[in-house]
């Protein structure tokens, strides 16, 4: 299920330029899920094309994954005003689309607390759960979820890049097997 270009499921429709659709390989067993589009993503209609996207793309490449070979999306498809965190109501409005996007994945790497909270259905403390794989059920299918820091966090803390690399390596491990 994809949201229509004129989606009005929540109030975020009033300030957006574009509904930001997923990017990458729609059949990839790995998905990366961010919180919400930023200004550059809203303008382009694609997720992770701004500064955070450059970090993510570089880290993927350094770990042997091409961006075009993974699936990238956000919990909400429209930019919240002032880049604020999406509300629960906004995430709930997009949840059917997100679940549809993720239902056939083997591994989901959530990028940031809000994305992890949305898919785990509970509050989380990132430092306690980052890179600790957990199982979630989406539409009756069990999927591994790996909470990861958002690439933007690396702008303020250099150790975050290594943590995101670890998340990517962990996701690859689930795909490649023991």
N, C-alpha and C. Protein backbone atom coordinates (compact mmCIF):
# COMPACT_ATOMS: atom_id res chain seq x y z
N UNK A 1 0.85 -1.18 0.00
CA UNK A 1 0.00 0.00 0.00
C UNK A 1 0.89 1.24 0.00
N UNK A 2 0.73 2.05 -0.99
CA UNK A 2 1.47 3.31 -1.06
C UNK A 2 0.50 4.46 -0.83
N UNK A 3 0.95 5.47 -0.12
CA UNK A 3 0.05 6.61 0.06
C UNK A 3 -0.13 7.33 -1.27
N UNK A 4 -1.31 7.86 -1.53
CA UNK A 4 -1.49 8.62 -2.76
C UNK A 4 -0.71 9.94 -2.69
N UNK A 5 -0.39 10.49 -3.83
CA UNK A 5 0.35 11.76 -3.87
C UNK A 5 -0.41 12.89 -3.18
N UNK A 6 -1.74 12.76 -3.11
CA UNK A 6 -2.54 13.79 -2.45
C UNK A 6 -3.04 13.30 -1.08
N UNK A 7 -2.26 12.42 -0.43
CA UNK A 7 -2.64 11.83 0.85
C UNK A 7 -3.04 12.91 1.86
N UNK A 8 -4.12 12.64 2.58
CA UNK A 8 -4.62 13.55 3.61
C UNK A 8 -4.97 12.77 4.88
N UNK A 9 -4.22 11.70 5.15
CA UNK A 9 -4.49 10.84 6.31
C UNK A 9 -4.20 11.54 7.62
N UNK A 10 -3.35 12.59 7.59
CA UNK A 10 -3.06 13.35 8.81
C UNK A 10 -2.77 14.80 8.44
N UNK A 11 -2.56 15.63 9.43
CA UNK A 11 -2.37 17.07 9.21
C UNK A 11 -1.03 17.42 8.55
N UNK A 12 -0.10 16.48 8.47
CA UNK A 12 1.18 16.78 7.82
C UNK A 12 1.01 17.12 6.35
N UNK A 13 -0.12 16.77 5.78
CA UNK A 13 -0.36 17.06 4.36
C UNK A 13 -0.38 18.56 4.07
N UNK A 14 -0.68 19.36 5.08
CA UNK A 14 -0.84 20.80 4.85
C UNK A 14 0.46 21.55 4.59
N UNK A 15 1.59 21.02 5.05
CA UNK A 15 2.83 21.76 4.89
C UNK A 15 3.84 21.12 3.97
N UNK A 16 3.49 20.02 3.35
CA UNK A 16 4.48 19.29 2.55
C UNK A 16 4.53 19.79 1.11
N UNK A 17 5.67 19.54 0.48
CA UNK A 17 5.80 19.75 -0.96
C UNK A 17 5.49 18.43 -1.68
N UNK A 18 5.96 17.32 -1.10
CA UNK A 18 5.78 15.99 -1.70
C UNK A 18 5.54 14.95 -0.63
N UNK A 19 4.82 13.91 -1.00
CA UNK A 19 4.79 12.69 -0.20
C UNK A 19 6.11 12.00 -0.53
N UNK A 20 6.89 11.67 0.49
CA UNK A 20 8.21 11.06 0.28
C UNK A 20 8.05 9.54 0.22
N UNK A 21 8.23 9.02 -0.97
CA UNK A 21 8.08 7.58 -1.20
C UNK A 21 9.39 6.86 -0.93
N UNK A 22 9.33 5.54 -0.73
CA UNK A 22 10.54 4.76 -0.49
C UNK A 22 11.53 4.84 -1.66
N UNK A 23 12.76 4.45 -1.36
CA UNK A 23 13.83 4.48 -2.35
C UNK A 23 14.57 3.14 -2.29
N UNK A 24 15.30 2.84 -3.33
CA UNK A 24 16.11 1.62 -3.36
C UNK A 24 15.37 0.45 -3.97
N UNK A 25 15.81 -0.74 -3.59
CA UNK A 25 15.28 -1.98 -4.15
C UNK A 25 14.01 -2.41 -3.42
N UNK A 26 12.87 -2.40 -4.10
CA UNK A 26 11.62 -2.77 -3.43
C UNK A 26 11.58 -4.23 -3.00
N UNK A 27 12.48 -5.07 -3.54
CA UNK A 27 12.50 -6.49 -3.19
C UNK A 27 13.64 -6.85 -2.24
N UNK A 28 14.37 -5.86 -1.76
CA UNK A 28 15.49 -6.13 -0.86
C UNK A 28 15.00 -6.74 0.45
N UNK A 29 15.74 -7.72 0.98
CA UNK A 29 15.36 -8.26 2.28
C UNK A 29 15.72 -7.34 3.45
N UNK A 30 16.54 -6.30 3.18
CA UNK A 30 16.93 -5.34 4.21
C UNK A 30 16.19 -4.02 3.98
N UNK A 31 15.64 -3.47 5.07
CA UNK A 31 15.03 -2.14 5.00
C UNK A 31 15.66 -1.25 6.07
N UNK A 32 15.87 0.00 5.71
CA UNK A 32 16.31 1.03 6.65
C UNK A 32 15.14 1.99 6.79
N UNK A 33 14.74 2.24 8.04
CA UNK A 33 13.57 3.07 8.30
C UNK A 33 13.97 4.27 9.16
N UNK A 34 13.80 5.45 8.61
CA UNK A 34 14.06 6.68 9.34
C UNK A 34 12.79 7.20 9.98
N UNK A 35 12.94 8.34 10.62
CA UNK A 35 11.83 8.94 11.36
C UNK A 35 10.85 9.66 10.43
N UNK A 36 11.36 10.65 9.69
CA UNK A 36 10.50 11.49 8.86
C UNK A 36 11.37 12.24 7.86
N UNK A 37 10.79 12.68 6.76
CA UNK A 37 11.57 13.46 5.80
C UNK A 37 11.98 14.82 6.36
N UNK A 38 13.12 15.30 5.92
CA UNK A 38 13.55 16.66 6.19
C UNK A 38 13.23 17.55 5.00
N UNK A 39 13.74 18.75 5.00
CA UNK A 39 13.44 19.72 3.94
C UNK A 39 13.90 19.23 2.57
N UNK A 40 15.11 18.69 2.47
CA UNK A 40 15.62 18.22 1.17
C UNK A 40 14.84 17.02 0.67
N UNK A 41 14.46 16.15 1.59
CA UNK A 41 13.67 14.98 1.22
C UNK A 41 12.28 15.40 0.74
N UNK A 42 11.69 16.37 1.42
CA UNK A 42 10.37 16.89 1.04
C UNK A 42 10.43 17.49 -0.37
N UNK A 43 11.49 18.22 -0.66
CA UNK A 43 11.63 18.84 -1.99
C UNK A 43 11.84 17.79 -3.07
N UNK A 44 12.64 16.75 -2.76
CA UNK A 44 12.98 15.73 -3.76
C UNK A 44 11.94 14.62 -3.86
N UNK A 45 11.17 14.40 -2.78
CA UNK A 45 10.20 13.30 -2.78
C UNK A 45 10.86 11.95 -2.54
N UNK A 46 12.12 11.94 -2.04
CA UNK A 46 12.87 10.71 -1.77
C UNK A 46 13.48 10.78 -0.38
N UNK A 47 13.57 9.64 0.33
CA UNK A 47 14.14 9.65 1.67
C UNK A 47 15.67 9.72 1.66
N UNK A 48 16.23 10.31 2.70
CA UNK A 48 17.67 10.34 2.95
C UNK A 48 18.48 10.84 1.76
N UNK A 49 18.15 12.05 1.30
CA UNK A 49 18.93 12.67 0.21
C UNK A 49 19.72 13.88 0.70
N UNK A 50 19.50 14.31 1.93
CA UNK A 50 20.22 15.45 2.50
C UNK A 50 21.50 15.00 3.18
N UNK A 51 21.95 15.75 4.15
CA UNK A 51 23.20 15.47 4.86
C UNK A 51 23.19 14.09 5.52
N UNK A 52 22.10 13.74 6.17
CA UNK A 52 22.00 12.42 6.81
C UNK A 52 22.05 11.31 5.76
N UNK A 53 21.44 11.55 4.64
CA UNK A 53 21.46 10.57 3.55
C UNK A 53 22.85 10.34 3.00
N UNK A 54 23.63 11.41 2.93
CA UNK A 54 25.02 11.26 2.46
C UNK A 54 25.81 10.39 3.43
N UNK A 55 25.61 10.60 4.72
CA UNK A 55 26.29 9.77 5.72
C UNK A 55 25.85 8.32 5.58
N UNK A 56 24.54 8.09 5.48
CA UNK A 56 24.02 6.73 5.37
C UNK A 56 24.57 6.05 4.11
N UNK A 57 24.52 6.74 2.98
CA UNK A 57 25.00 6.16 1.73
C UNK A 57 26.48 5.78 1.83
N UNK A 58 27.28 6.66 2.40
CA UNK A 58 28.72 6.40 2.56
C UNK A 58 28.96 5.20 3.46
N UNK A 59 28.25 5.12 4.58
CA UNK A 59 28.43 4.00 5.49
C UNK A 59 27.98 2.68 4.87
N UNK A 60 26.89 2.71 4.13
CA UNK A 60 26.45 1.50 3.42
C UNK A 60 27.54 1.03 2.46
N UNK A 61 28.07 1.95 1.67
CA UNK A 61 29.10 1.60 0.70
C UNK A 61 30.35 1.07 1.39
N UNK A 62 30.75 1.69 2.49
CA UNK A 62 31.93 1.24 3.22
C UNK A 62 31.74 -0.18 3.77
N UNK A 63 30.51 -0.56 4.01
CA UNK A 63 30.21 -1.90 4.52
C UNK A 63 29.78 -2.87 3.42
N UNK A 64 29.96 -2.47 2.17
CA UNK A 64 29.70 -3.38 1.05
C UNK A 64 28.26 -3.50 0.60
N UNK A 65 27.43 -2.54 0.97
CA UNK A 65 26.04 -2.54 0.51
C UNK A 65 25.79 -1.30 -0.34
N UNK A 66 25.31 -1.50 -1.53
CA UNK A 66 24.94 -0.36 -2.36
C UNK A 66 23.57 0.15 -1.93
N UNK A 67 23.44 1.45 -1.90
CA UNK A 67 22.16 2.06 -1.53
C UNK A 67 21.04 1.55 -2.42
N UNK A 68 21.32 1.36 -3.69
CA UNK A 68 20.29 0.91 -4.63
C UNK A 68 19.85 -0.53 -4.38
N UNK A 69 20.60 -1.26 -3.56
CA UNK A 69 20.29 -2.67 -3.29
C UNK A 69 19.55 -2.89 -1.97
N UNK A 70 19.31 -1.80 -1.22
CA UNK A 70 18.53 -1.90 0.01
C UNK A 70 17.28 -1.05 -0.14
N UNK A 71 16.34 -1.23 0.77
CA UNK A 71 15.09 -0.49 0.76
C UNK A 71 15.15 0.58 1.83
N UNK A 72 14.82 1.81 1.50
CA UNK A 72 14.90 2.93 2.44
C UNK A 72 13.57 3.67 2.48
N UNK A 73 13.07 3.88 3.70
CA UNK A 73 11.79 4.57 3.86
C UNK A 73 11.79 5.31 5.20
N UNK A 74 10.66 5.91 5.53
CA UNK A 74 10.47 6.62 6.80
C UNK A 74 9.17 6.16 7.45
N UNK A 75 9.06 6.39 8.76
CA UNK A 75 7.82 6.03 9.46
C UNK A 75 6.66 6.88 8.98
N UNK A 76 6.92 8.16 8.72
CA UNK A 76 5.90 9.04 8.12
C UNK A 76 6.41 9.52 6.77
N UNK A 77 5.52 9.79 5.88
CA UNK A 77 5.89 10.10 4.50
C UNK A 77 5.88 11.60 4.19
N UNK A 78 5.53 12.42 5.16
CA UNK A 78 5.50 13.87 4.98
C UNK A 78 6.33 14.54 6.07
N UNK A 79 6.89 15.69 5.74
CA UNK A 79 7.78 16.40 6.66
C UNK A 79 6.99 17.08 7.78
N UNK A 80 7.33 16.77 9.03
CA UNK A 80 6.73 17.51 10.15
C UNK A 80 7.28 18.94 10.17
N UNK A 81 6.46 19.91 10.56
CA UNK A 81 6.92 21.31 10.61
C UNK A 81 8.14 21.46 11.52
N UNK A 82 9.10 22.24 11.06
CA UNK A 82 10.29 22.52 11.87
C UNK A 82 11.13 21.28 12.17
N UNK A 83 10.96 20.23 11.37
CA UNK A 83 11.68 18.97 11.59
C UNK A 83 11.45 18.37 12.97
N UNK A 84 10.28 18.64 13.56
CA UNK A 84 9.97 18.06 14.86
C UNK A 84 9.73 16.55 14.70
N UNK A 85 9.74 15.86 15.84
CA UNK A 85 9.45 14.43 15.84
C UNK A 85 7.98 14.22 15.46
N UNK A 86 7.68 13.19 14.67
CA UNK A 86 6.27 12.94 14.35
C UNK A 86 5.48 12.57 15.60
N UNK A 87 4.23 12.96 15.62
CA UNK A 87 3.37 12.59 16.74
C UNK A 87 2.90 11.14 16.57
N UNK A 88 2.38 10.58 17.64
CA UNK A 88 1.85 9.21 17.56
C UNK A 88 0.71 9.15 16.54
N UNK A 89 -0.12 10.17 16.51
CA UNK A 89 -1.24 10.20 15.55
C UNK A 89 -0.72 10.18 14.11
N UNK A 90 0.34 10.92 13.84
CA UNK A 90 0.91 10.96 12.49
C UNK A 90 1.54 9.61 12.12
N UNK A 91 2.24 9.02 13.09
CA UNK A 91 2.84 7.71 12.81
C UNK A 91 1.75 6.66 12.60
N UNK A 92 0.70 6.72 13.40
CA UNK A 92 -0.41 5.77 13.25
C UNK A 92 -1.07 5.92 11.87
N UNK A 93 -1.17 7.14 11.37
CA UNK A 93 -1.80 7.37 10.06
C UNK A 93 -0.98 6.72 8.95
N UNK A 94 0.34 6.71 9.08
CA UNK A 94 1.21 6.12 8.06
C UNK A 94 1.51 4.64 8.30
N UNK A 95 1.16 4.12 9.47
CA UNK A 95 1.52 2.75 9.82
C UNK A 95 1.05 1.71 8.81
N UNK A 96 -0.17 1.78 8.26
CA UNK A 96 -0.55 0.77 7.27
C UNK A 96 0.38 0.76 6.05
N UNK A 97 0.81 1.93 5.64
CA UNK A 97 1.75 2.01 4.50
C UNK A 97 3.10 1.41 4.90
N UNK A 98 3.58 1.77 6.08
CA UNK A 98 4.87 1.26 6.55
C UNK A 98 4.84 -0.25 6.69
N UNK A 99 3.80 -0.78 7.29
CA UNK A 99 3.70 -2.23 7.44
C UNK A 99 3.67 -2.92 6.08
N UNK A 100 2.98 -2.34 5.12
CA UNK A 100 2.95 -2.90 3.78
C UNK A 100 4.34 -2.91 3.15
N UNK A 101 5.10 -1.84 3.40
CA UNK A 101 6.46 -1.75 2.86
C UNK A 101 7.40 -2.77 3.49
N UNK A 102 7.16 -3.11 4.75
CA UNK A 102 8.11 -3.94 5.49
C UNK A 102 7.74 -5.41 5.61
N UNK A 103 6.53 -5.78 5.25
CA UNK A 103 6.05 -7.12 5.58
C UNK A 103 6.86 -8.28 5.01
N UNK A 104 7.58 -8.09 3.94
CA UNK A 104 8.36 -9.20 3.36
C UNK A 104 9.86 -9.05 3.56
N UNK A 105 10.27 -8.21 4.47
CA UNK A 105 11.70 -8.02 4.75
C UNK A 105 12.18 -9.08 5.76
N UNK A 106 13.47 -9.35 5.74
CA UNK A 106 14.07 -10.21 6.75
C UNK A 106 14.60 -9.39 7.91
N UNK A 107 15.14 -8.22 7.60
CA UNK A 107 15.77 -7.37 8.61
C UNK A 107 15.35 -5.93 8.39
N UNK A 108 14.99 -5.26 9.48
CA UNK A 108 14.67 -3.84 9.46
C UNK A 108 15.64 -3.13 10.40
N UNK A 109 16.36 -2.16 9.88
CA UNK A 109 17.23 -1.33 10.71
C UNK A 109 16.52 0.00 10.89
N UNK A 110 16.16 0.30 12.14
CA UNK A 110 15.51 1.58 12.40
C UNK A 110 16.58 2.62 12.68
N UNK A 111 16.44 3.77 12.07
CA UNK A 111 17.42 4.84 12.19
C UNK A 111 16.84 5.93 13.09
N UNK A 112 17.19 5.85 14.37
CA UNK A 112 16.70 6.83 15.34
C UNK A 112 15.63 6.27 16.26
N UNK A 113 15.47 6.95 17.38
CA UNK A 113 14.55 6.52 18.43
C UNK A 113 13.10 6.47 17.97
N UNK A 114 12.67 7.48 17.25
CA UNK A 114 11.26 7.54 16.85
C UNK A 114 10.88 6.36 15.96
N UNK A 115 11.74 6.01 15.02
CA UNK A 115 11.45 4.88 14.13
C UNK A 115 11.40 3.57 14.92
N UNK A 116 12.35 3.40 15.85
CA UNK A 116 12.35 2.19 16.68
C UNK A 116 11.10 2.12 17.55
N UNK A 117 10.75 3.25 18.15
CA UNK A 117 9.57 3.32 19.01
C UNK A 117 8.31 2.96 18.21
N UNK A 118 8.21 3.45 17.00
CA UNK A 118 7.02 3.19 16.18
C UNK A 118 6.88 1.70 15.88
N UNK A 119 7.97 1.04 15.52
CA UNK A 119 7.88 -0.37 15.14
C UNK A 119 7.89 -1.32 16.33
N UNK A 120 8.53 -0.92 17.42
CA UNK A 120 8.52 -1.76 18.62
C UNK A 120 7.25 -1.55 19.44
N UNK A 121 6.54 -0.47 19.17
CA UNK A 121 5.29 -0.13 19.85
C UNK A 121 5.47 0.15 21.34
N UNK A 122 6.65 0.75 21.65
CA UNK A 122 6.91 1.10 23.04
C UNK A 122 8.03 2.14 23.06
N UNK A 123 8.11 2.90 24.14
CA UNK A 123 9.22 3.85 24.27
C UNK A 123 10.55 3.09 24.41
N UNK A 124 11.62 3.69 23.92
CA UNK A 124 12.93 3.06 24.07
C UNK A 124 13.97 4.11 24.47
N UNK A 125 15.03 3.63 25.07
CA UNK A 125 16.21 4.44 25.37
C UNK A 125 17.29 3.91 24.44
N UNK A 126 17.72 4.74 23.49
CA UNK A 126 18.63 4.26 22.46
C UNK A 126 19.89 3.62 23.01
N UNK A 127 20.54 4.25 23.97
CA UNK A 127 21.82 3.71 24.47
C UNK A 127 21.65 2.30 25.03
N UNK A 128 20.45 1.96 25.48
CA UNK A 128 20.19 0.63 26.04
C UNK A 128 19.82 -0.41 24.98
N UNK A 129 19.40 0.03 23.81
CA UNK A 129 18.87 -0.92 22.83
C UNK A 129 19.55 -0.90 21.47
N UNK A 130 20.40 0.10 21.23
CA UNK A 130 21.05 0.19 19.92
C UNK A 130 21.85 -1.09 19.64
N UNK A 131 21.70 -1.60 18.44
CA UNK A 131 22.40 -2.80 17.96
C UNK A 131 22.07 -4.07 18.74
N UNK A 132 20.92 -4.09 19.37
CA UNK A 132 20.44 -5.30 20.03
C UNK A 132 19.24 -5.83 19.22
N UNK A 133 19.48 -6.80 18.35
CA UNK A 133 18.40 -7.31 17.50
C UNK A 133 17.22 -7.82 18.32
N UNK A 134 16.03 -7.53 17.80
CA UNK A 134 14.79 -7.96 18.43
C UNK A 134 13.87 -8.47 17.34
N UNK A 135 12.93 -9.28 17.73
CA UNK A 135 11.96 -9.77 16.74
C UNK A 135 10.66 -8.99 16.88
N UNK A 136 10.13 -8.62 15.72
CA UNK A 136 8.82 -7.97 15.67
C UNK A 136 7.95 -8.78 14.71
N UNK A 137 6.67 -8.59 14.81
CA UNK A 137 5.75 -9.26 13.90
C UNK A 137 5.01 -8.19 13.11
N UNK A 138 5.09 -8.31 11.80
CA UNK A 138 4.38 -7.41 10.90
C UNK A 138 3.51 -8.26 9.99
N UNK A 139 2.21 -8.05 10.11
CA UNK A 139 1.23 -8.79 9.31
C UNK A 139 1.45 -10.30 9.38
N UNK A 140 1.69 -10.78 10.60
CA UNK A 140 1.84 -12.21 10.84
C UNK A 140 3.20 -12.78 10.52
N UNK A 141 4.15 -11.95 10.10
CA UNK A 141 5.48 -12.44 9.75
C UNK A 141 6.50 -11.89 10.74
N UNK A 142 7.38 -12.79 11.20
CA UNK A 142 8.43 -12.38 12.14
C UNK A 142 9.61 -11.78 11.37
N UNK A 143 10.06 -10.62 11.86
CA UNK A 143 11.14 -9.88 11.22
C UNK A 143 12.12 -9.45 12.31
N UNK A 144 13.41 -9.46 11.98
CA UNK A 144 14.43 -8.97 12.91
C UNK A 144 14.50 -7.46 12.79
N UNK A 145 14.46 -6.78 13.92
CA UNK A 145 14.59 -5.32 13.96
C UNK A 145 15.87 -4.99 14.71
N UNK A 146 16.69 -4.13 14.11
CA UNK A 146 17.93 -3.69 14.74
C UNK A 146 17.83 -2.18 14.96
N UNK A 147 17.69 -1.74 16.21
CA UNK A 147 17.69 -0.30 16.47
C UNK A 147 19.08 0.28 16.23
N UNK A 148 19.14 1.37 15.48
CA UNK A 148 20.41 2.05 15.18
C UNK A 148 20.23 3.54 15.41
N UNK A 149 21.35 4.20 15.65
CA UNK A 149 21.31 5.66 15.75
C UNK A 149 21.00 6.26 14.39
N UNK A 150 20.39 7.42 14.40
CA UNK A 150 20.13 8.15 13.16
C UNK A 150 21.45 8.74 12.67
N UNK A 151 21.69 8.72 11.35
CA UNK A 151 22.94 9.28 10.84
C UNK A 151 23.19 10.73 11.27
N UNK A 152 22.15 11.51 11.50
CA UNK A 152 22.32 12.90 11.94
C UNK A 152 23.02 12.98 13.29
N UNK A 153 22.88 11.94 14.12
CA UNK A 153 23.55 11.94 15.42
C UNK A 153 25.06 11.95 15.27
N UNK A 154 25.57 11.50 14.12
CA UNK A 154 27.01 11.49 13.90
C UNK A 154 27.57 12.91 13.72
N UNK A 155 26.71 13.87 13.47
CA UNK A 155 27.17 15.26 13.35
C UNK A 155 27.63 15.80 14.70
N UNK A 156 27.13 15.20 15.78
CA UNK A 156 27.41 15.69 17.13
C UNK A 156 28.28 14.74 17.94
N UNK A 157 28.35 13.48 17.48
CA UNK A 157 29.08 12.47 18.23
C UNK A 157 29.77 11.53 17.24
N UNK A 158 31.07 11.59 17.18
CA UNK A 158 31.83 10.82 16.19
C UNK A 158 31.72 9.31 16.36
N UNK A 159 31.45 8.85 17.57
CA UNK A 159 31.37 7.40 17.78
C UNK A 159 30.11 6.79 17.17
N UNK A 160 29.15 7.63 16.82
CA UNK A 160 27.89 7.13 16.25
C UNK A 160 28.12 6.45 14.90
N UNK A 161 29.04 6.96 14.10
CA UNK A 161 29.29 6.33 12.79
C UNK A 161 29.70 4.87 12.95
N UNK A 162 30.56 4.59 13.91
CA UNK A 162 30.98 3.20 14.14
C UNK A 162 29.80 2.36 14.59
N UNK A 163 28.92 2.92 15.40
CA UNK A 163 27.74 2.19 15.84
C UNK A 163 26.82 1.88 14.66
N UNK A 164 26.66 2.84 13.74
CA UNK A 164 25.81 2.60 12.56
C UNK A 164 26.47 1.54 11.67
N UNK A 165 27.80 1.60 11.54
CA UNK A 165 28.50 0.55 10.78
C UNK A 165 28.20 -0.83 11.38
N UNK A 166 28.23 -0.91 12.69
CA UNK A 166 27.92 -2.17 13.37
C UNK A 166 26.50 -2.62 13.06
N UNK A 167 25.56 -1.68 13.00
CA UNK A 167 24.17 -2.01 12.66
C UNK A 167 24.09 -2.60 11.25
N UNK A 168 24.81 -1.99 10.32
CA UNK A 168 24.81 -2.46 8.94
C UNK A 168 25.43 -3.85 8.85
N UNK A 169 26.55 -4.04 9.55
CA UNK A 169 27.20 -5.36 9.55
C UNK A 169 26.27 -6.42 10.15
N UNK A 170 25.58 -6.06 11.22
CA UNK A 170 24.65 -6.99 11.85
C UNK A 170 23.52 -7.37 10.89
N UNK A 171 22.99 -6.40 10.18
CA UNK A 171 21.92 -6.68 9.21
C UNK A 171 22.43 -7.63 8.14
N UNK A 172 23.65 -7.39 7.66
CA UNK A 172 24.22 -8.29 6.64
C UNK A 172 24.39 -9.70 7.17
N UNK A 173 24.75 -9.85 8.45
CA UNK A 173 24.92 -11.16 9.05
C UNK A 173 23.62 -11.96 8.98
N UNK A 174 22.50 -11.30 9.25
CA UNK A 174 21.22 -12.01 9.18
C UNK A 174 20.90 -12.44 7.75
N UNK A 175 21.38 -11.71 6.79
CA UNK A 175 21.12 -12.07 5.39
C UNK A 175 22.04 -13.17 4.92
N UNK A 176 23.29 -13.11 5.35
CA UNK A 176 24.29 -14.06 4.87
C UNK A 176 24.25 -15.38 5.63
N UNK A 177 23.67 -15.39 6.82
CA UNK A 177 23.61 -16.59 7.63
C UNK A 177 24.89 -16.83 8.40
N UNK A 178 24.89 -17.84 9.27
CA UNK A 178 26.08 -18.11 10.10
C UNK A 178 27.26 -18.62 9.28
